[in-house]
C-alpha atoms as a PDB file:
ATOM      1  CA  UNK A   1     123.815   3.532 112.212  1.00  0.00           C
ATOM      2  CA  UNK A   2     127.337   4.552 113.288  1.00  0.00           C
ATOM      3  CA  UNK A   3     129.989   1.850 113.367  1.00  0.00           C
ATOM      4  CA  UNK A   4     132.008   0.865 116.442  1.00  0.00           C
ATOM      5  CA  UNK A   5     135.687   0.139 115.895  1.00  0.00           C
ATOM      6  CA  UNK A   6     137.043  -3.232 116.944  1.00  0.00           C
ATOM      7  CA  UNK A   7     140.588  -4.400 117.604  1.00  0.00           C
ATOM      8  CA  UNK A   8     140.660  -8.016 116.439  1.00  0.00           C
ATOM      9  CA  UNK A   9     143.313 -10.670 117.048  1.00  0.00           C
ATOM     10  CA  UNK A  10     143.242 -13.379 114.397  1.00  0.00           C
ATOM     11  CA  UNK A  11     144.870 -16.693 113.576  1.00  0.00           C
ATOM     12  CA  UNK A  12     147.526 -16.644 110.830  1.00  0.00           C
ATOM     13  CA  UNK A  13     144.699 -17.637 108.451  1.00  0.00           C
ATOM     14  CA  UNK A  14     142.695 -14.517 109.439  1.00  0.00           C
ATOM     15  CA  UNK A  15     140.050 -16.168 111.643  1.00  0.00           C
ATOM     16  CA  UNK A  16     139.104 -14.002 114.661  1.00  0.00           C
ATOM     17  CA  UNK A  17     140.189 -15.285 118.102  1.00  0.00           C
ATOM     18  CA  UNK A  18     139.384 -12.341 120.359  1.00  0.00           C
ATOM     19  CA  UNK A  19     138.455  -8.699 120.099  1.00  0.00           C
ATOM     20  CA  UNK A  20     138.478  -5.501 122.060  1.00  0.00           C
ATOM     21  CA  UNK A  21     135.169  -3.679 121.855  1.00  0.00           C
ATOM     22  CA  UNK A  22     134.211  -0.655 123.956  1.00  0.00           C
ATOM     23  CA  UNK A  23     137.084  -1.235 126.356  1.00  0.00           C
ATOM     24  CA  UNK A  24     136.330  -4.919 127.039  1.00  0.00           C
ATOM     25  CA  UNK A  25     138.198  -7.977 125.775  1.00  0.00           C
ATOM     26  CA  UNK A  26     135.850 -10.575 124.324  1.00  0.00           C
ATOM     27  CA  UNK A  27     136.954 -14.077 123.398  1.00  0.00           C
ATOM     28  CA  UNK A  28     135.465 -15.936 120.446  1.00  0.00           C
ATOM     29  CA  UNK A  29     133.680 -18.828 122.170  1.00  0.00           C
ATOM     30  CA  UNK A  30     132.410 -20.790 119.156  1.00  0.00           C
ATOM     31  CA  UNK A  31     133.576 -21.437 115.618  1.00  0.00           C
ATOM     32  CA  UNK A  32     133.264 -18.163 113.660  1.00  0.00           C
ATOM     33  CA  UNK A  33     131.279 -18.093 110.435  1.00  0.00           C
ATOM     34  CA  UNK A  34     132.527 -15.944 107.543  1.00  0.00           C
ATOM     35  CA  UNK A  35     130.313 -14.753 104.731  1.00  0.00           C
ATOM     36  CA  UNK A  36     130.229 -11.919 102.238  1.00  0.00           C
ATOM     37  CA  UNK A  37     127.516  -9.301 101.976  1.00  0.00           C
ATOM     38  CA  UNK A  38     126.863  -7.548  98.652  1.00  0.00           C
ATOM     39  CA  UNK A  39     127.377  -3.768  98.806  1.00  0.00           C
ATOM     40  CA  UNK A  40     125.216  -1.275  96.936  1.00  0.00           C
ATOM     41  CA  UNK A  41     128.409   0.184  95.459  1.00  0.00           C
ATOM     42  CA  UNK A  42     126.528   1.937  92.668  1.00  0.00           C
ATOM     43  CA  UNK A  43     124.706   4.026  95.301  1.00  0.00           C
ATOM     44  CA  UNK A  44     127.813   4.654  97.426  1.00  0.00           C
ATOM     45  CA  UNK A  45     130.456   5.386  94.814  1.00  0.00           C
ATOM     46  CA  UNK A  46     130.246   7.693  91.838  1.00  0.00           C
ATOM     47  CA  UNK A  47     132.831   5.555  90.067  1.00  0.00           C
ATOM     48  CA  UNK A  48     135.384   2.905  90.885  1.00  0.00           C
ATOM     49  CA  UNK A  49     139.031   3.911  91.078  1.00  0.00           C
ATOM     50  CA  UNK A  50     141.297   2.344  88.493  1.00  0.00           C
ATOM     51  CA  UNK A  51     142.604  -0.964  89.828  1.00  0.00           C
ATOM     52  CA  UNK A  52     140.043  -1.126  92.654  1.00  0.00           C
ATOM     53  CA  UNK A  53     139.305  -4.723  93.535  1.00  0.00           C
ATOM     54  CA  UNK A  54     139.015  -5.782  97.165  1.00  0.00           C
ATOM     55  CA  UNK A  55     135.871  -4.612  98.888  1.00  0.00           C
ATOM     56  CA  UNK A  56     134.332  -2.941  95.848  1.00  0.00           C
ATOM     57  CA  UNK A  57     131.397  -5.298  95.508  1.00  0.00           C
ATOM     58  CA  UNK A  58     131.436  -7.507  98.609  1.00  0.00           C
ATOM     59  CA  UNK A  59     131.943  -6.853 102.313  1.00  0.00           C
ATOM     60  CA  UNK A  60     133.634  -9.518 104.471  1.00  0.00           C
ATOM     61  CA  UNK A  61     131.557 -10.278 107.571  1.00  0.00           C
ATOM     62  CA  UNK A  62     132.297 -12.665 110.442  1.00  0.00           C
ATOM     63  CA  UNK A  63     129.411 -13.813 112.651  1.00  0.00           C
ATOM     64  CA  UNK A  64     130.972 -14.348 116.067  1.00  0.00           C
ATOM     65  CA  UNK A  65     129.737 -15.732 119.346  1.00  0.00           C
ATOM     66  CA  UNK A  66     131.781 -13.839 121.909  1.00  0.00           C
ATOM     67  CA  UNK A  67     132.054 -13.970 125.665  1.00  0.00           C
ATOM     68  CA  UNK A  68     133.573 -11.842 128.413  1.00  0.00           C
ATOM     69  CA  UNK A  69     135.926 -14.144 130.329  1.00  0.00           C
ATOM     70  CA  UNK A  70     135.079 -17.817 130.495  1.00  0.00           C
ATOM     71  CA  UNK A  71     131.677 -17.692 132.178  1.00  0.00           C
ATOM     72  CA  UNK A  72     130.080 -14.607 130.675  1.00  0.00           C
ATOM     73  CA  UNK A  73     126.895 -14.698 128.651  1.00  0.00           C
ATOM     74  CA  UNK A  74     127.360 -15.502 124.958  1.00  0.00           C
ATOM     75  CA  UNK A  75     126.605 -12.677 122.522  1.00  0.00           C
ATOM     76  CA  UNK A  76     126.418 -12.877 118.764  1.00  0.00           C
ATOM     77  CA  UNK A  77     127.895  -9.995 116.818  1.00  0.00           C
ATOM     78  CA  UNK A  78     128.891  -9.370 113.230  1.00  0.00           C
ATOM     79  CA  UNK A  79     132.469  -8.186 112.835  1.00  0.00           C
ATOM     80  CA  UNK A  80     133.055  -6.492 109.502  1.00  0.00           C
ATOM     81  CA  UNK A  81     136.535  -6.239 107.991  1.00  0.00           C
ATOM     82  CA  UNK A  82     137.286  -3.461 105.535  1.00  0.00           C
ATOM     83  CA  UNK A  83     139.164  -5.315 102.800  1.00  0.00           C
ATOM     84  CA  UNK A  84     141.008  -2.199 101.664  1.00  0.00           C
ATOM     85  CA  UNK A  85     142.209  -0.795 105.014  1.00  0.00           C
ATOM     86  CA  UNK A  86     142.080  -3.974 107.136  1.00  0.00           C
ATOM     87  CA  UNK A  87     140.064  -2.052 109.770  1.00  0.00           C
ATOM     88  CA  UNK A  88     137.457  -3.982 111.759  1.00  0.00           C
ATOM     89  CA  UNK A  89     134.128  -2.614 112.982  1.00  0.00           C
ATOM     90  CA  UNK A  90     130.640  -3.657 114.052  1.00  0.00           C
ATOM     91  CA  UNK A  91     127.291  -1.973 113.617  1.00  0.00           C
ATOM     92  CA  UNK A  92     125.738  -3.499 116.741  1.00  0.00           C
ATOM     93  CA  UNK A  93     123.091  -1.292 118.373  1.00  0.00           C
ATOM     94  CA  UNK A  94     124.389   0.567 121.441  1.00  0.00           C
ATOM     95  CA  UNK A  95     121.594  -0.875 123.604  1.00  0.00           C
ATOM     96  CA  UNK A  96     123.003  -4.387 123.144  1.00  0.00           C
ATOM     97  CA  UNK A  97     126.625  -3.508 124.007  1.00  0.00           C
ATOM     98  CA  UNK A  98     127.917  -4.268 127.476  1.00  0.00           C
END
């Protein structure tokens, strides 16, 4: 499934506050939950580059409840941060995006 890029504003500690997704600004309406998902790196990479550390084995994922404005419907998405580039994206199905 293709990934959608996100522009994420975070606290100084790196916790998401709001994001821009498909031209809309969404605010994080509930406490975000961070977890790490194990990558199948052995299937994706032929070999690890010397000194490679961040993001080689685990992917940082934030489960966010977001809302358009202050009265919009809550949506739950998973925002994924590339630990090497710092880029954010989501793999939400297009049918669920507003």
